Amino acid sequence: MAKVILWGTGQIAEVVYHYLTTDTDHEICAFCVDREYIKEPVFKGLPVVAFEDITDTYSPAEYKMAIPIGYKSINKHREQKYLDAKAKGYEFITYISSKTSCDAETVGENTFIFEGNFIQPFVQIGNNVIIWATGGIGHHAVIEDHCFLASPKISGATRIGRNSFLGTNATIGDNLTIGSHCIIGAAAVVLKDVPAGSVLATKQTKALEMTSYELEDILG
């Protein structure tokens, strides 16, 4: 059990707060954000503290951090806050849902793996990674630091480069390398290596030239 300072007061922080308070024995003691983003002094009944002043009240010797920031700027925002907290001397918790099957060989710090994921043996997951619910990662895959995986399907022995974002239901073939800082859109299918900095996206499903009310009349 750790005493934890949780970064943020937005939706992702609220989700992580729920999981940490219902699925772990960690004690959430406060929330923190940059001073300019403090809107209210209390969130979820706990104090909201300026990150600039966090060590004045919550010593790194006694408290750990959790920084579940989203994929803004290809995860660079979360990466920077992780490094800033590390520079202040904080250690980090990692959360793996009790409703996930995780046989990974390694899972780094400040990594969050939500429910319904299936992670096979010999997978290596880096630091500061978020894996949203109901994804799958095949054997011997490597997920480098600072990635955000929004429920993708990653086949065996594939490497996902640092700071990459994979959208919902993106499917990545086996024995591939996805370079760093890539954005792979929702429902994309990737069957060959992808250079660093690439953006892959599928077209949105085409809308029919009729309304649902008209279709209801046709179907009866």
C-alpha atoms as a PDB file:
ATOM      1  CA  MET A   1       0.000   0.000   0.000  1.00  0.00           C
ATOM      2  CA  ALA A   2       1.247   3.465  -0.887  1.00  0.00           C
ATOM      3  CA  LYS A   3       0.153   6.983  -0.102  1.00  0.00           C
ATOM      4  CA  VAL A   4      -0.486   8.484  -3.525  1.00  0.00           C
ATOM      5  CA  ILE A   5      -0.705  11.939  -5.076  1.00  0.00           C
ATOM      6  CA  LEU A   6      -2.820  11.700  -8.235  1.00  0.00           C
ATOM      7  CA  TRP A   7      -2.187  14.101 -11.093  1.00  0.00           C
ATOM      8  CA  GLY A   8      -5.169  15.852 -12.649  1.00  0.00           C
ATOM      9  CA  THR A   9      -8.814  16.651 -11.990  1.00  0.00           C
ATOM     10  CA  GLY A  10     -10.220  15.703 -15.395  1.00  0.00           C
ATOM     11  CA  GLN A  11     -11.974  12.616 -16.693  1.00  0.00           C
ATOM     12  CA  ILE A  12      -8.934  10.336 -16.857  1.00  0.00           C
ATOM     13  CA  ALA A  13      -7.904  11.285 -13.323  1.00  0.00           C
ATOM     14  CA  GLU A  14     -11.449  10.556 -12.170  1.00  0.00           C
ATOM     15  CA  VAL A  15     -11.372   7.129 -13.843  1.00  0.00           C
ATOM     16  CA  VAL A  16      -8.013   6.277 -12.281  1.00  0.00           C
ATOM     17  CA  TYR A  17      -9.212   7.524  -8.889  1.00  0.00           C
ATOM     18  CA  HIS A  18     -12.137   5.099  -9.169  1.00  0.00           C
ATOM     19  CA  TYR A  19      -9.886   2.153  -9.975  1.00  0.00           C
ATOM     20  CA  LEU A  20      -7.285   2.938  -7.334  1.00  0.00           C
ATOM     21  CA  THR A  21      -9.918   3.310  -4.619  1.00  0.00           C
ATOM     22  CA  THR A  22     -11.940   0.221  -5.577  1.00  0.00           C
ATOM     23  CA  ASP A  23      -9.307  -2.169  -6.929  1.00  0.00           C
ATOM     24  CA  THR A  24      -6.190  -1.486  -4.824  1.00  0.00           C
ATOM     25  CA  ASP A  25      -5.267  -0.780  -1.223  1.00  0.00           C
ATOM     26  CA  HIS A  26      -3.480   2.471  -2.121  1.00  0.00           C
ATOM     27  CA  GLU A  27      -4.528   5.599  -0.254  1.00  0.00           C
ATOM     28  CA  ILE A  28      -5.203   8.622  -2.478  1.00  0.00           C
ATOM     29  CA  CYS A  29      -4.194  11.631  -0.381  1.00  0.00           C
ATOM     30  CA  ALA A  30      -4.439  14.574  -2.790  1.00  0.00           C
ATOM     31  CA  PHE A  31      -4.685  15.657  -6.404  1.00  0.00           C
ATOM     32  CA  CYS A  32      -2.193  17.975  -8.064  1.00  0.00           C
ATOM     33  CA  VAL A  33      -2.057  20.091 -11.208  1.00  0.00           C
ATOM     34  CA  ASP A  34      -0.025  23.051 -12.375  1.00  0.00           C
ATOM     35  CA  ARG A  35      -1.038  26.123 -10.399  1.00  0.00           C
ATOM     36  CA  GLU A  36      -2.621  27.880 -13.374  1.00  0.00           C
ATOM     37  CA  TYR A  37      -5.078  24.991 -13.844  1.00  0.00           C
ATOM     38  CA  ILE A  38      -6.462  24.874 -10.309  1.00  0.00           C
ATOM     39  CA  LYS A  39     -10.184  25.629 -10.622  1.00  0.00           C
ATOM     40  CA  GLU A  40     -11.376  24.414  -7.225  1.00  0.00           C
ATOM     41  CA  PRO A  41      -9.404  23.711  -4.030  1.00  0.00           C
ATOM     42  CA  VAL A  42     -11.065  20.315  -3.523  1.00  0.00           C
ATOM     43  CA  PHE A  43     -11.814  17.377  -5.850  1.00  0.00           C
ATOM     44  CA  LYS A  44     -13.448  14.133  -4.735  1.00  0.00           C
ATOM     45  CA  GLY A  45     -13.245  15.440  -1.186  1.00  0.00           C
ATOM     46  CA  LEU A  46      -9.451  15.745  -1.350  1.00  0.00           C
ATOM     47  CA  PRO A  47      -7.190  18.796  -1.622  1.00  0.00           C
ATOM     48  CA  VAL A  48      -5.983  19.984  -5.016  1.00  0.00           C
ATOM     49  CA  VAL A  49      -2.384  21.151  -4.668  1.00  0.00           C
ATOM     50  CA  ALA A  50      -0.207  23.129  -7.068  1.00  0.00           C
ATOM     51  CA  PHE A  51       2.512  20.886  -8.465  1.00  0.00           C
ATOM     52  CA  GLU A  52       4.989  23.717  -8.002  1.00  0.00           C
ATOM     53  CA  ASP A  53       4.457  23.473  -4.211  1.00  0.00           C
ATOM     54  CA  ILE A  54       3.781  19.748  -3.875  1.00  0.00           C
ATOM     55  CA  THR A  55       6.937  18.858  -1.940  1.00  0.00           C
ATOM     56  CA  ASP A  56       6.131  21.451   0.750  1.00  0.00           C
ATOM     57  CA  THR A  57       3.272  19.276   2.017  1.00  0.00           C
ATOM     58  CA  TYR A  58       3.770  15.854   0.453  1.00  0.00           C
ATOM     59  CA  SER A  59       7.364  14.706   0.788  1.00  0.00           C
ATOM     60  CA  PRO A  60       8.725  12.295  -1.852  1.00  0.00           C
ATOM     61  CA  ALA A  61      10.056  10.243   1.049  1.00  0.00           C
ATOM     62  CA  GLU A  62       6.493   9.476   2.157  1.00  0.00           C
ATOM     63  CA  TYR A  63       4.276   9.803  -0.918  1.00  0.00           C
ATOM     64  CA  LYS A  64       4.291   8.356  -4.422  1.00  0.00           C
ATOM     65  CA  MET A  65       2.866   9.816  -7.607  1.00  0.00           C
ATOM     66  CA  ALA A  66       0.447   8.610 -10.274  1.00  0.00           C
ATOM     67  CA  ILE A  67       0.339  10.660 -13.481  1.00  0.00           C
ATOM     68  CA  PRO A  68      -2.375   9.319 -15.831  1.00  0.00           C
ATOM     69  CA  ILE A  69      -2.392  12.161 -18.363  1.00  0.00           C
ATOM     70  CA  GLY A  70      -3.819  11.505 -21.845  1.00  0.00           C
ATOM     71  CA  TYR A  71      -2.094  11.488 -25.223  1.00  0.00           C
ATOM     72  CA  LYS A  72      -1.858  15.257 -25.783  1.00  0.00           C
ATOM     73  CA  SER A  73       1.077  16.217 -28.053  1.00  0.00           C
ATOM     74  CA  ILE A  74       1.795  12.545 -28.806  1.00  0.00           C
ATOM     75  CA  ASN A  75       2.162  11.816 -25.090  1.00  0.00           C
ATOM     76  CA  LYS A  76       4.838  14.486 -24.639  1.00  0.00           C
ATOM     77  CA  HIS A  77       2.791  16.298 -22.000  1.00  0.00           C
ATOM     78  CA  ARG A  78       2.567  13.172 -19.834  1.00  0.00           C
ATOM     79  CA  GLU A  79       6.240  12.444 -20.472  1.00  0.00           C
ATOM     80  CA  GLN A  80       7.260  15.918 -19.286  1.00  0.00           C
ATOM     81  CA  LYS A  81       5.172  15.774 -16.106  1.00  0.00           C
ATOM     82  CA  TYR A  82       6.545  12.304 -15.368  1.00  0.00           C
ATOM     83  CA  LEU A  83      10.092  13.633 -15.731  1.00  0.00           C
ATOM     84  CA  ASP A  84       9.272  16.729 -13.659  1.00  0.00           C
ATOM     85  CA  ALA A  85       7.919  14.598 -10.805  1.00  0.00           C
ATOM     86  CA  LYS A  86      10.915  12.291 -11.055  1.00  0.00           C
ATOM     87  CA  ALA A  87      13.212  15.312 -10.801  1.00  0.00           C
ATOM     88  CA  LYS A  88      11.454  16.252  -7.547  1.00  0.00           C
ATOM     89  CA  GLY A  89      12.373  12.828  -6.182  1.00  0.00           C
ATOM     90  CA  TYR A  90       9.037  11.024  -6.456  1.00  0.00           C
ATOM     91  CA  GLU A  91       8.618   7.343  -7.117  1.00  0.00           C
ATOM     92  CA  PHE A  92       5.536   6.088  -8.952  1.00  0.00           C
ATOM     93  CA  ILE A  93       2.906   3.438  -8.569  1.00  0.00           C
ATOM     94  CA  THR A  94       1.785   1.149 -11.383  1.00  0.00           C
ATOM     95  CA  TYR A  95      -1.776  -0.110 -11.711  1.00  0.00           C
ATOM     96  CA  ILE A  96      -2.795  -3.396 -13.364  1.00  0.00           C
ATOM     97  CA  SER A  97      -6.510  -4.103 -13.159  1.00  0.00           C
ATOM     98  CA  SER A  98      -7.497  -7.238 -11.292  1.00  0.00           C
ATOM     99  CA  LYS A  99      -9.814  -7.873 -14.258  1.00  0.00           C
ATOM    100  CA  THR A 100      -6.928  -8.041 -16.732  1.00  0.00           C
ATOM    101  CA  SER A 101      -4.896 -11.112 -17.653  1.00  0.00           C
ATOM    102  CA  CYS A 102      -1.293  -9.915 -17.576  1.00  0.00           C
ATOM    103  CA  ASP A 103       1.615 -12.326 -17.978  1.00  0.00           C
ATOM    104  CA  ALA A 104       4.048  -9.601 -19.062  1.00  0.00           C
ATOM    105  CA  GLU A 105       7.711 -10.133 -18.303  1.00  0.00           C
ATOM    106  CA  THR A 106       8.178  -6.498 -17.248  1.00  0.00           C
ATOM    107  CA  VAL A 107       5.862  -3.561 -16.574  1.00  0.00           C
ATOM    108  CA  GLY A 108       7.387  -0.148 -15.920  1.00  0.00           C
ATOM    109  CA  GLU A 109       6.541   2.556 -13.403  1.00  0.00           C
ATOM    110  CA  ASN A 110       3.633   4.979 -13.771  1.00  0.00           C
ATOM    111  CA  THR A 111       1.962   2.511 -16.108  1.00  0.00           C
ATOM    112  CA  PHE A 112      -1.801   1.927 -16.087  1.00  0.00           C
ATOM    113  CA  ILE A 113      -3.385  -1.210 -17.540  1.00  0.00           C
ATOM    114  CA  PHE A 114      -7.166  -1.153 -17.362  1.00  0.00           C
ATOM    115  CA  GLU A 115      -9.679  -3.981 -17.294  1.00  0.00           C
ATOM    116  CA  GLY A 116     -10.231  -6.656 -19.909  1.00  0.00           C
ATOM    117  CA  ASN A 117      -6.762  -6.662 -21.456  1.00  0.00           C
ATOM    118  CA  PHE A 118      -5.027  -9.907 -22.420  1.00  0.00           C
ATOM    119  CA  ILE A 119      -1.249  -9.625 -22.275  1.00  0.00           C
ATOM    120  CA  GLN A 120       0.715 -12.742 -23.133  1.00  0.00           C
ATOM    121  CA  PRO A 121       4.038 -13.994 -21.714  1.00  0.00           C
ATOM    122  CA  PHE A 122       7.380 -12.330 -22.444  1.00  0.00           C
ATOM    123  CA  VAL A 123       5.815  -8.953 -23.236  1.00  0.00           C
ATOM    124  CA  GLN A 124       7.851  -5.938 -22.105  1.00  0.00           C
ATOM    125  CA  ILE A 125       5.967  -2.761 -21.204  1.00  0.00           C
ATOM    126  CA  GLY A 126       7.913   0.418 -20.515  1.00  0.00           C
ATOM    127  CA  ASN A 127       7.478   3.340 -18.148  1.00  0.00           C
ATOM    128  CA  ASN A 128       4.652   5.873 -18.253  1.00  0.00           C
ATOM    129  CA  VAL A 129       2.376   3.808 -20.501  1.00  0.00           C
ATOM    130  CA  ILE A 130      -1.434   3.808 -20.541  1.00  0.00           C
ATOM    131  CA  ILE A 131      -3.245   0.751 -21.917  1.00  0.00           C
ATOM    132  CA  TRP A 132      -6.990   1.334 -22.050  1.00  0.00           C
ATOM    133  CA  ALA A 133      -9.545  -1.423 -21.542  1.00  0.00           C
ATOM    134  CA  THR A 134     -10.128  -4.569 -23.656  1.00  0.00           C
ATOM    135  CA  GLY A 135      -6.909  -4.612 -25.669  1.00  0.00           C
ATOM    136  CA  GLY A 136      -4.616  -7.492 -26.500  1.00  0.00           C
ATOM    137  CA  ILE A 137      -0.818  -7.743 -26.694  1.00  0.00           C
ATOM    138  CA  GLY A 138       0.824 -10.853 -28.104  1.00  0.00           C
ATOM    139  CA  HIS A 139       3.873 -12.708 -26.800  1.00  0.00           C
ATOM    140  CA  HIS A 140       7.324 -11.082 -26.968  1.00  0.00           C
ATOM    141  CA  ALA A 141       5.904  -7.700 -27.969  1.00  0.00           C
ATOM    142  CA  VAL A 142       7.652  -4.579 -26.680  1.00  0.00           C
ATOM    143  CA  ILE A 143       5.818  -1.388 -25.736  1.00  0.00           C
ATOM    144  CA  GLU A 144       8.320   1.417 -25.274  1.00  0.00           C
ATOM    145  CA  ASP A 145       8.016   4.318 -22.815  1.00  0.00           C
ATOM    146  CA  HIS A 146       5.310   7.011 -22.900  1.00  0.00           C
ATOM    147  CA  CYS A 147       2.829   5.214 -25.183  1.00  0.00           C
ATOM    148  CA  PHE A 148      -0.972   5.417 -25.062  1.00  0.00           C
ATOM    149  CA  LEU A 149      -2.761   2.321 -26.352  1.00  0.00           C
ATOM    150  CA  ALA A 150      -6.517   2.794 -26.704  1.00  0.00           C
ATOM    151  CA  SER A 151      -7.644  -0.841 -26.798  1.00  0.00           C
ATOM    152  CA  PRO A 152      -5.594  -2.060 -29.785  1.00  0.00           C
ATOM    153  CA  LYS A 153      -4.757  -5.599 -30.868  1.00  0.00           C
ATOM    154  CA  ILE A 154      -0.978  -6.074 -31.121  1.00  0.00           C
ATOM    155  CA  SER A 155       0.388  -9.352 -32.461  1.00  0.00           C
ATOM    156  CA  GLY A 156       3.426 -11.212 -31.177  1.00  0.00           C
ATOM    157  CA  ALA A 157       7.018  -9.948 -31.346  1.00  0.00           C
ATOM    158  CA  THR A 158       6.010  -6.473 -32.504  1.00  0.00           C
ATOM    159  CA  ARG A 159       7.677  -3.338 -31.131  1.00  0.00           C
ATOM    160  CA  ILE A 160       5.738  -0.123 -30.528  1.00  0.00           C
ATOM    161  CA  GLY A 161       8.079   2.875 -30.437  1.00  0.00           C
ATOM    162  CA  ARG A 162       8.109   5.429 -27.637  1.00  0.00           C
ATOM    163  CA  ASN A 163       5.469   8.164 -27.470  1.00  0.00           C
ATOM    164  CA  SER A 164       3.200   6.406 -29.946  1.00  0.00           C
ATOM    165  CA  PHE A 165      -0.593   6.458 -29.871  1.00  0.00           C
ATOM    166  CA  LEU A 166      -2.702   3.522 -31.062  1.00  0.00           C
ATOM    167  CA  GLY A 167      -6.415   4.164 -31.472  1.00  0.00           C
ATOM    168  CA  THR A 168      -9.336   1.959 -30.535  1.00  0.00           C
ATOM    169  CA  ASN A 169      -9.245  -1.450 -32.243  1.00  0.00           C
ATOM    170  CA  ALA A 170      -6.112  -0.680 -34.253  1.00  0.00           C
ATOM    171  CA  THR A 171      -4.708  -4.042 -35.342  1.00  0.00           C
ATOM    172  CA  ILE A 172      -0.949  -4.509 -35.669  1.00  0.00           C
ATOM    173  CA  GLY A 173       0.529  -7.593 -37.352  1.00  0.00           C
ATOM    174  CA  ASP A 174       3.288  -9.763 -35.930  1.00  0.00           C
ATOM    175  CA  ASN A 175       7.054  -9.174 -36.027  1.00  0.00           C
ATOM    176  CA  LEU A 176       6.667  -5.512 -36.976  1.00  0.00           C
ATOM    177  CA  THR A 177       8.298  -2.305 -35.789  1.00  0.00           C
ATOM    178  CA  ILE A 178       6.202   0.808 -35.266  1.00  0.00           C
ATOM    179  CA  GLY A 179       8.581   3.756 -34.991  1.00  0.00           C
ATOM    180  CA  SER A 180       8.496   6.343 -32.234  1.00  0.00           C
ATOM    181  CA  HIS A 181       5.930   9.162 -32.105  1.00  0.00           C
ATOM    182  CA  CYS A 182       3.515   7.418 -34.472  1.00  0.00           C
ATOM    183  CA  ILE A 183      -0.245   7.918 -34.513  1.00  0.00           C
ATOM    184  CA  ILE A 184      -2.203   4.851 -35.606  1.00  0.00           C
ATOM    185  CA  GLY A 185      -5.885   5.681 -35.939  1.00  0.00           C
ATOM    186  CA  ALA A 186      -8.894   3.753 -34.717  1.00  0.00           C
ATOM    187  CA  ALA A 187      -9.606   0.508 -36.597  1.00  0.00           C
ATOM    188  CA  ALA A 188      -6.421   0.815 -38.684  1.00  0.00           C
ATOM    189  CA  VAL A 189      -4.825  -2.427 -39.901  1.00  0.00           C
ATOM    190  CA  VAL A 190      -1.017  -2.407 -40.051  1.00  0.00           C
ATOM    191  CA  LEU A 191       0.807  -5.254 -41.802  1.00  0.00           C
ATOM    192  CA  LYS A 192       4.264  -3.762 -42.400  1.00  0.00           C
ATOM    193  CA  ASP A 193       6.839  -1.683 -40.533  1.00  0.00           C
ATOM    194  CA  VAL A 194       5.976   1.967 -39.928  1.00  0.00           C
ATOM    195  CA  PRO A 195       8.655   4.717 -39.830  1.00  0.00           C
ATOM    196  CA  ALA A 196       8.931   7.065 -36.857  1.00  0.00           C
ATOM    197  CA  GLY A 197       6.548  10.000 -36.889  1.00  0.00           C
ATOM    198  CA  SER A 198       4.019   8.372 -39.223  1.00  0.00           C
ATOM    199  CA  VAL A 199       0.264   8.939 -39.127  1.00  0.00           C
ATOM    200  CA  LEU A 200      -2.014   6.114 -40.296  1.00  0.00           C
ATOM    201  CA  ALA A 201      -5.767   6.593 -40.425  1.00  0.00           C
ATOM    202  CA  THR A 202      -8.788   4.864 -41.893  1.00  0.00           C
ATOM    203  CA  LYS A 203     -11.702   6.633 -43.533  1.00  0.00           C
ATOM    204  CA  GLN A 204     -14.818   7.182 -41.501  1.00  0.00           C
ATOM    205  CA  THR A 205     -17.657   4.804 -42.329  1.00  0.00           C
ATOM    206  CA  LYS A 206     -19.813   6.361 -45.037  1.00  0.00           C
ATOM    207  CA  ALA A 207     -23.245   7.578 -43.991  1.00  0.00           C
ATOM    208  CA  LEU A 208     -26.169   6.333 -46.063  1.00  0.00           C
ATOM    209  CA  GLU A 209     -28.178   8.910 -47.958  1.00  0.00           C
ATOM    210  CA  MET A 210     -31.227   8.282 -45.826  1.00  0.00           C
ATOM    211  CA  THR A 211     -32.265   8.865 -42.257  1.00  0.00           C
ATOM    212  CA  SER A 212     -32.846   6.178 -39.661  1.00  0.00           C
ATOM    213  CA  TYR A 213     -36.544   7.059 -39.839  1.00  0.00           C
ATOM    214  CA  GLU A 214     -36.613   6.269 -43.568  1.00  0.00           C
ATOM    215  CA  LEU A 215     -34.765   3.006 -42.976  1.00  0.00           C
ATOM    216  CA  GLU A 216     -37.281   2.073 -40.302  1.00  0.00           C
ATOM    217  CA  ASP A 217     -40.081   2.512 -42.850  1.00  0.00           C
ATOM    218  CA  ILE A 218     -38.245   0.251 -45.316  1.00  0.00           C
ATOM    219  CA  LEU A 219     -37.493  -2.470 -42.791  1.00  0.00           C
ATOM    220  CA  GLY A 220     -40.959  -2.313 -41.300  1.00  0.00           C
END
